Amino acid sequence: GRIDAAAAVGAPSCKNPADIDLSGSIDTNDFFAFLTAYQAGEASADFEPDGVSNTNDFFAYLAAYGAGC
């Protein structure tokens, strides 16, 4: 069989956008990173990319966070 080189070297396996820090898992570090960006009004907190960061983005992030990897 074919070996996936990225998996073989331990590349993060989480494909969920809630994995903010790209660690391969979703944990409180991701939540606090999103919360910090959200409170600062950063573009990265526009989780539903519609050009504004608002409560819809917060709830969309929570849904993705809850879904896990």
PDB file of N, CA and C in Angstrom:
ATOM      1  N   GLY A   1       0.805  -1.184   0.000  1.00  0.00           N
ATOM      2  CA  GLY A   1       0.000   0.000   0.000  1.00  0.00           C
ATOM      3  C   GLY A   1       0.851   1.251   0.000  1.00  0.00           C
ATOM      4  N   ARG A   2       0.181   2.318  -0.261  1.00  0.00           N
ATOM      5  CA  ARG A   2       0.834   3.619  -0.334  1.00  0.00           C
ATOM      6  C   ARG A   2       0.900   4.261   1.049  1.00  0.00           C
ATOM      7  N   ILE A   3       2.007   4.874   1.395  1.00  0.00           N
ATOM      8  CA  ILE A   3       2.186   5.530   2.683  1.00  0.00           C
ATOM      9  C   ILE A   3       2.003   7.032   2.513  1.00  0.00           C
ATOM     10  N   ASP A   4       1.178   7.618   3.355  1.00  0.00           N
ATOM     11  CA  ASP A   4       0.959   9.067   3.351  1.00  0.00           C
ATOM     12  C   ASP A   4       2.136   9.715   4.074  1.00  0.00           C
ATOM     13  N   ALA A   5       2.987  10.424   3.339  1.00  0.00           N
ATOM     14  CA  ALA A   5       4.197  11.012   3.909  1.00  0.00           C
ATOM     15  C   ALA A   5       3.884  12.010   5.011  1.00  0.00           C
ATOM     16  N   ALA A   6       2.836  12.813   4.852  1.00  0.00           N
ATOM     17  CA  ALA A   6       2.482  13.801   5.881  1.00  0.00           C
ATOM     18  C   ALA A   6       2.080  13.102   7.171  1.00  0.00           C
ATOM     19  N   ALA A   7       1.315  12.037   7.070  1.00  0.00           N
ATOM     20  CA  ALA A   7       0.904  11.300   8.260  1.00  0.00           C
ATOM     21  C   ALA A   7       2.101  10.611   8.898  1.00  0.00           C
ATOM     22  N   ALA A   8       3.021  10.155   8.068  1.00  0.00           N
ATOM     23  CA  ALA A   8       4.180   9.445   8.585  1.00  0.00           C
ATOM     24  C   ALA A   8       5.081  10.326   9.434  1.00  0.00           C
ATOM     25  N   VAL A   9       5.110  11.615   9.163  1.00  0.00           N
ATOM     26  CA  VAL A   9       5.969  12.514   9.934  1.00  0.00           C
ATOM     27  C   VAL A   9       5.207  13.218  11.046  1.00  0.00           C
ATOM     28  N   GLY A  10       3.989  12.779  11.310  1.00  0.00           N
ATOM     29  CA  GLY A  10       3.237  13.321  12.432  1.00  0.00           C
ATOM     30  C   GLY A  10       2.549  14.641  12.143  1.00  0.00           C
ATOM     31  N   ALA A  11       2.162  14.887  10.906  1.00  0.00           N
ATOM     32  CA  ALA A  11       1.443  16.119  10.573  1.00  0.00           C
ATOM     33  C   ALA A  11       0.102  16.133  11.304  1.00  0.00           C
ATOM     34  N   PRO A  12      -0.370  17.308  11.692  1.00  0.00           N
ATOM     35  CA  PRO A  12      -1.664  17.388  12.363  1.00  0.00           C
ATOM     36  C   PRO A  12      -2.759  16.743  11.527  1.00  0.00           C
ATOM     37  N   SER A  13      -3.630  16.000  12.198  1.00  0.00           N
ATOM     38  CA  SER A  13      -4.662  15.276  11.481  1.00  0.00           C
ATOM     39  C   SER A  13      -6.031  15.937  11.568  1.00  0.00           C
ATOM     40  N   CYS A  14      -6.166  16.986  12.349  1.00  0.00           N
ATOM     41  CA  CYS A  14      -7.461  17.628  12.522  1.00  0.00           C
ATOM     42  C   CYS A  14      -7.746  18.554  11.342  1.00  0.00           C
ATOM     43  N   LYS A  15      -8.857  18.311  10.676  1.00  0.00           N
ATOM     44  CA  LYS A  15      -9.242  19.141   9.532  1.00  0.00           C
ATOM     45  C   LYS A  15     -10.310  20.152   9.915  1.00  0.00           C
ATOM     46  N   ASN A  16     -10.636  20.252  11.188  1.00  0.00           N
ATOM     47  CA  ASN A  16     -11.666  21.166  11.667  1.00  0.00           C
ATOM     48  C   ASN A  16     -11.069  22.571  11.793  1.00  0.00           C
ATOM     49  N   PRO A  17     -11.704  23.593  11.213  1.00  0.00           N
ATOM     50  CA  PRO A  17     -11.165  24.948  11.311  1.00  0.00           C
ATOM     51  C   PRO A  17     -11.139  25.494  12.736  1.00  0.00           C
ATOM     52  N   ALA A  18     -11.792  24.816  13.679  1.00  0.00           N
ATOM     53  CA  ALA A  18     -11.735  25.238  15.081  1.00  0.00           C
ATOM     54  C   ALA A  18     -10.359  24.958  15.689  1.00  0.00           C
ATOM     55  N   ASP A  19      -9.517  24.186  14.995  1.00  0.00           N
ATOM     56  CA  ASP A  19      -8.143  23.936  15.442  1.00  0.00           C
ATOM     57  C   ASP A  19      -7.299  25.149  15.065  1.00  0.00           C
ATOM     58  N   ILE A  20      -7.492  26.231  15.787  1.00  0.00           N
ATOM     59  CA  ILE A  20      -6.859  27.521  15.493  1.00  0.00           C
ATOM     60  C   ILE A  20      -5.336  27.425  15.498  1.00  0.00           C
ATOM     61  N   ASP A  21      -4.779  26.709  16.469  1.00  0.00           N
ATOM     62  CA  ASP A  21      -3.320  26.648  16.585  1.00  0.00           C
ATOM     63  C   ASP A  21      -2.693  25.530  15.750  1.00  0.00           C
ATOM     64  N   LEU A  22      -3.510  24.833  14.959  1.00  0.00           N
ATOM     65  CA  LEU A  22      -3.043  23.778  14.049  1.00  0.00           C
ATOM     66  C   LEU A  22      -2.230  22.693  14.759  1.00  0.00           C
ATOM     67  N   SER A  23      -2.640  22.371  15.990  1.00  0.00           N
ATOM     68  CA  SER A  23      -1.933  21.366  16.770  1.00  0.00           C
ATOM     69  C   SER A  23      -2.359  19.943  16.426  1.00  0.00           C
ATOM     70  N   GLY A  24      -3.437  19.801  15.672  1.00  0.00           N
ATOM     71  CA  GLY A  24      -3.927  18.478  15.342  1.00  0.00           C
ATOM     72  C   GLY A  24      -5.034  18.015  16.261  1.00  0.00           C
ATOM     73  N   SER A  25      -5.381  18.855  17.233  1.00  0.00           N
ATOM     74  CA  SER A  25      -6.491  18.552  18.123  1.00  0.00           C
ATOM     75  C   SER A  25      -7.169  19.865  18.502  1.00  0.00           C
ATOM     76  N   ILE A  26      -8.364  19.738  19.023  1.00  0.00           N
ATOM     77  CA  ILE A  26      -9.099  20.926  19.448  1.00  0.00           C
ATOM     78  C   ILE A  26      -9.160  20.917  20.968  1.00  0.00           C
ATOM     79  N   ASP A  27      -8.665  21.990  21.569  1.00  0.00           N
ATOM     80  CA  ASP A  27      -8.636  22.070  23.025  1.00  0.00           C
ATOM     81  C   ASP A  27      -8.841  23.513  23.479  1.00  0.00           C
ATOM     82  N   THR A  28      -8.662  23.761  24.760  1.00  0.00           N
ATOM     83  CA  THR A  28      -8.901  25.102  25.297  1.00  0.00           C
ATOM     84  C   THR A  28      -7.958  26.138  24.711  1.00  0.00           C
ATOM     85  N   ASN A  29      -6.777  25.729  24.277  1.00  0.00           N
ATOM     86  CA  ASN A  29      -5.866  26.691  23.642  1.00  0.00           C
ATOM     87  C   ASN A  29      -6.510  27.285  22.393  1.00  0.00           C
ATOM     88  N   ASP A  30      -7.196  26.449  21.625  1.00  0.00           N
ATOM     89  CA  ASP A  30      -7.891  26.923  20.421  1.00  0.00           C
ATOM     90  C   ASP A  30      -9.028  27.864  20.798  1.00  0.00           C
ATOM     91  N   PHE A  31      -9.792  27.483  21.813  1.00  0.00           N
ATOM     92  CA  PHE A  31     -10.910  28.315  22.233  1.00  0.00           C
ATOM     93  C   PHE A  31     -10.438  29.698  22.672  1.00  0.00           C
ATOM     94  N   PHE A  32      -9.391  29.739  23.499  1.00  0.00           N
ATOM     95  CA  PHE A  32      -8.905  31.033  23.971  1.00  0.00           C
ATOM     96  C   PHE A  32      -8.250  31.845  22.856  1.00  0.00           C
ATOM     97  N   ALA A  33      -7.625  31.191  21.897  1.00  0.00           N
ATOM     98  CA  ALA A  33      -7.055  31.902  20.749  1.00  0.00           C
ATOM     99  C   ALA A  33      -8.172  32.557  19.938  1.00  0.00           C
ATOM    100  N   PHE A  34      -9.265  31.810  19.719  1.00  0.00           N
ATOM    101  CA  PHE A  34     -10.395  32.393  18.998  1.00  0.00           C
ATOM    102  C   PHE A  34     -11.005  33.529  19.800  1.00  0.00           C
ATOM    103  N   LEU A  35     -11.209  33.314  21.095  1.00  0.00           N
ATOM    104  CA  LEU A  35     -11.830  34.326  21.943  1.00  0.00           C
ATOM    105  C   LEU A  35     -11.008  35.613  21.963  1.00  0.00           C
ATOM    106  N   THR A  36      -9.705  35.492  22.023  1.00  0.00           N
ATOM    107  CA  THR A  36      -8.820  36.665  22.008  1.00  0.00           C
ATOM    108  C   THR A  36      -8.972  37.427  20.697  1.00  0.00           C
ATOM    109  N   ALA A  37      -8.973  36.698  19.580  1.00  0.00           N
ATOM    110  CA  ALA A  37      -9.138  37.338  18.260  1.00  0.00           C
ATOM    111  C   ALA A  37     -10.516  37.978  18.148  1.00  0.00           C
ATOM    112  N   TYR A  38     -11.527  37.301  18.654  1.00  0.00           N
ATOM    113  CA  TYR A  38     -12.900  37.807  18.599  1.00  0.00           C
ATOM    114  C   TYR A  38     -13.039  39.105  19.393  1.00  0.00           C
ATOM    115  N   GLN A  39     -12.510  39.102  20.604  1.00  0.00           N
ATOM    116  CA  GLN A  39     -12.597  40.297  21.447  1.00  0.00           C
ATOM    117  C   GLN A  39     -11.820  41.467  20.867  1.00  0.00           C
ATOM    118  N   ALA A  40     -10.741  41.174  20.147  1.00  0.00           N
ATOM    119  CA  ALA A  40      -9.919  42.222  19.537  1.00  0.00           C
ATOM    120  C   ALA A  40     -10.490  42.683  18.197  1.00  0.00           C
ATOM    121  N   GLY A  41     -11.517  41.990  17.707  1.00  0.00           N
ATOM    122  CA  GLY A  41     -12.108  42.346  16.420  1.00  0.00           C
ATOM    123  C   GLY A  41     -11.235  42.004  15.235  1.00  0.00           C
ATOM    124  N   GLU A  42     -10.371  41.008  15.400  1.00  0.00           N
ATOM    125  CA  GLU A  42      -9.457  40.616  14.327  1.00  0.00           C
ATOM    126  C   GLU A  42     -10.198  39.885  13.210  1.00  0.00           C
ATOM    127  N   ALA A  43      -9.697  40.023  12.013  1.00  0.00           N
ATOM    128  CA  ALA A  43     -10.307  39.374  10.849  1.00  0.00           C
ATOM    129  C   ALA A  43     -10.327  37.858  10.998  1.00  0.00           C
ATOM    130  N   SER A  44      -9.374  37.295  11.723  1.00  0.00           N
ATOM    131  CA  SER A  44      -9.331  35.841  11.897  1.00  0.00           C
ATOM    132  C   SER A  44     -10.531  35.320  12.689  1.00  0.00           C
ATOM    133  N   ALA A  45     -11.242  36.209  13.386  1.00  0.00           N
ATOM    134  CA  ALA A  45     -12.427  35.807  14.146  1.00  0.00           C
ATOM    135  C   ALA A  45     -13.686  35.809  13.279  1.00  0.00           C
ATOM    136  N   ASP A  46     -13.560  36.169  12.021  1.00  0.00           N
ATOM    137  CA  ASP A  46     -14.685  36.146  11.090  1.00  0.00           C
ATOM    138  C   ASP A  46     -14.863  34.696  10.638  1.00  0.00           C
ATOM    139  N   PHE A  47     -15.383  33.863  11.534  1.00  0.00           N
ATOM    140  CA  PHE A  47     -15.463  32.418  11.321  1.00  0.00           C
ATOM    141  C   PHE A  47     -16.463  32.046  10.233  1.00  0.00           C
ATOM    142  N   GLU A  48     -17.479  32.869  10.045  1.00  0.00           N
ATOM    143  CA  GLU A  48     -18.381  32.750   8.899  1.00  0.00           C
ATOM    144  C   GLU A  48     -17.970  33.883   7.968  1.00  0.00           C
ATOM    145  N   PRO A  49     -17.067  33.630   7.066  1.00  0.00           N
ATOM    146  CA  PRO A  49     -16.446  34.719   6.303  1.00  0.00           C
ATOM    147  C   PRO A  49     -17.448  35.575   5.526  1.00  0.00           C
ATOM    148  N   ASP A  50     -17.982  36.567   6.236  1.00  0.00           N
ATOM    149  CA  ASP A  50     -18.932  37.485   5.604  1.00  0.00           C
ATOM    150  C   ASP A  50     -18.489  38.938   5.739  1.00  0.00           C
ATOM    151  N   GLY A  51     -17.237  39.123   6.182  1.00  0.00           N
ATOM    152  CA  GLY A  51     -16.682  40.469   6.265  1.00  0.00           C
ATOM    153  C   GLY A  51     -16.873  41.163   7.593  1.00  0.00           C
ATOM    154  N   VAL A  52     -17.619  40.545   8.516  1.00  0.00           N
ATOM    155  CA  VAL A  52     -17.802  41.133   9.847  1.00  0.00           C
ATOM    156  C   VAL A  52     -17.633  40.052  10.903  1.00  0.00           C
ATOM    157  N   SER A  53     -17.147  40.461  12.052  1.00  0.00           N
ATOM    158  CA  SER A  53     -17.016  39.550  13.183  1.00  0.00           C
ATOM    159  C   SER A  53     -18.122  39.896  14.163  1.00  0.00           C
ATOM    160  N   ASN A  54     -19.044  38.953  14.348  1.00  0.00           N
ATOM    161  CA  ASN A  54     -20.178  39.208  15.233  1.00  0.00           C
ATOM    162  C   ASN A  54     -20.568  37.923  15.955  1.00  0.00           C
ATOM    163  N   THR A  55     -21.725  37.947  16.641  1.00  0.00           N
ATOM    164  CA  THR A  55     -22.128  36.777  17.413  1.00  0.00           C
ATOM    165  C   THR A  55     -22.348  35.543  16.543  1.00  0.00           C
ATOM    166  N   ASN A  56     -22.705  35.731  15.278  1.00  0.00           N
ATOM    167  CA  ASN A  56     -22.845  34.575  14.388  1.00  0.00           C
ATOM    168  C   ASN A  56     -21.527  33.822  14.269  1.00  0.00           C
ATOM    169  N   ASP A  57     -20.414  34.549  14.214  1.00  0.00           N
ATOM    170  CA  ASP A  57     -19.095  33.920  14.144  1.00  0.00           C
ATOM    171  C   ASP A  57     -18.785  33.176  15.434  1.00  0.00           C
ATOM    172  N   PHE A  58     -19.135  33.779  16.554  1.00  0.00           N
ATOM    173  CA  PHE A  58     -18.889  33.146  17.849  1.00  0.00           C
ATOM    174  C   PHE A  58     -19.644  31.820  17.945  1.00  0.00           C
ATOM    175  N   PHE A  59     -20.913  31.828  17.577  1.00  0.00           N
ATOM    176  CA  PHE A  59     -21.701  30.602  17.660  1.00  0.00           C
ATOM    177  C   PHE A  59     -21.267  29.574  16.624  1.00  0.00           C
ATOM    178  N   ALA A  60     -20.832  30.012  15.461  1.00  0.00           N
ATOM    179  CA  ALA A  60     -20.318  29.089  14.446  1.00  0.00           C
ATOM    180  C   ALA A  60     -19.036  28.427  14.950  1.00  0.00           C
ATOM    181  N   TYR A  61     -18.186  29.220  15.625  1.00  0.00           N
ATOM    182  CA  TYR A  61     -16.957  28.634  16.189  1.00  0.00           C
ATOM    183  C   TYR A  61     -17.311  27.610  17.260  1.00  0.00           C
ATOM    184  N   LEU A  62     -18.252  27.962  18.135  1.00  0.00           N
ATOM    185  CA  LEU A  62     -18.632  27.019  19.194  1.00  0.00           C
ATOM    186  C   LEU A  62     -19.155  25.716  18.606  1.00  0.00           C
ATOM    187  N   ALA A  63     -19.932  25.782  17.541  1.00  0.00           N
ATOM    188  CA  ALA A  63     -20.439  24.572  16.899  1.00  0.00           C
ATOM    189  C   ALA A  63     -19.290  23.725  16.352  1.00  0.00           C
ATOM    190  N   ALA A  64     -18.341  24.365  15.686  1.00  0.00           N
ATOM    191  CA  ALA A  64     -17.183  23.632  15.143  1.00  0.00           C
ATOM    192  C   ALA A  64     -16.328  23.068  16.266  1.00  0.00           C
ATOM    193  N   TYR A  65     -16.142  23.852  17.313  1.00  0.00           N
ATOM    194  CA  TYR A  65     -15.362  23.418  18.474  1.00  0.00           C
ATOM    195  C   TYR A  65     -16.001  22.173  19.097  1.00  0.00           C
ATOM    196  N   GLY A  66     -17.305  22.206  19.243  1.00  0.00           N
ATOM    197  CA  GLY A  66     -18.028  21.083  19.828  1.00  0.00           C
ATOM    198  C   GLY A  66     -17.993  19.832  18.971  1.00  0.00           C
ATOM    199  N   ALA A  67     -17.834  20.010  17.661  1.00  0.00           N
ATOM    200  CA  ALA A  67     -17.787  18.860  16.758  1.00  0.00           C
ATOM    201  C   ALA A  67     -16.488  18.080  16.907  1.00  0.00           C
ATOM    202  N   GLY A  68     -15.431  18.735  17.366  1.00  0.00           N
ATOM    203  CA  GLY A  68     -14.151  18.064  17.553  1.00  0.00           C
ATOM    204  C   GLY A  68     -13.499  17.645  16.256  1.00  0.00           C
ATOM    205  N   CYS A  69     -12.490  16.808  16.382  1.00  0.00           N
ATOM    206  CA  CYS A  69     -11.749  16.324  15.211  1.00  0.00           C
ATOM    207  C   CYS A  69     -12.217  14.952  14.801  1.00  0.00           C
TER     208      CYS A  69
END
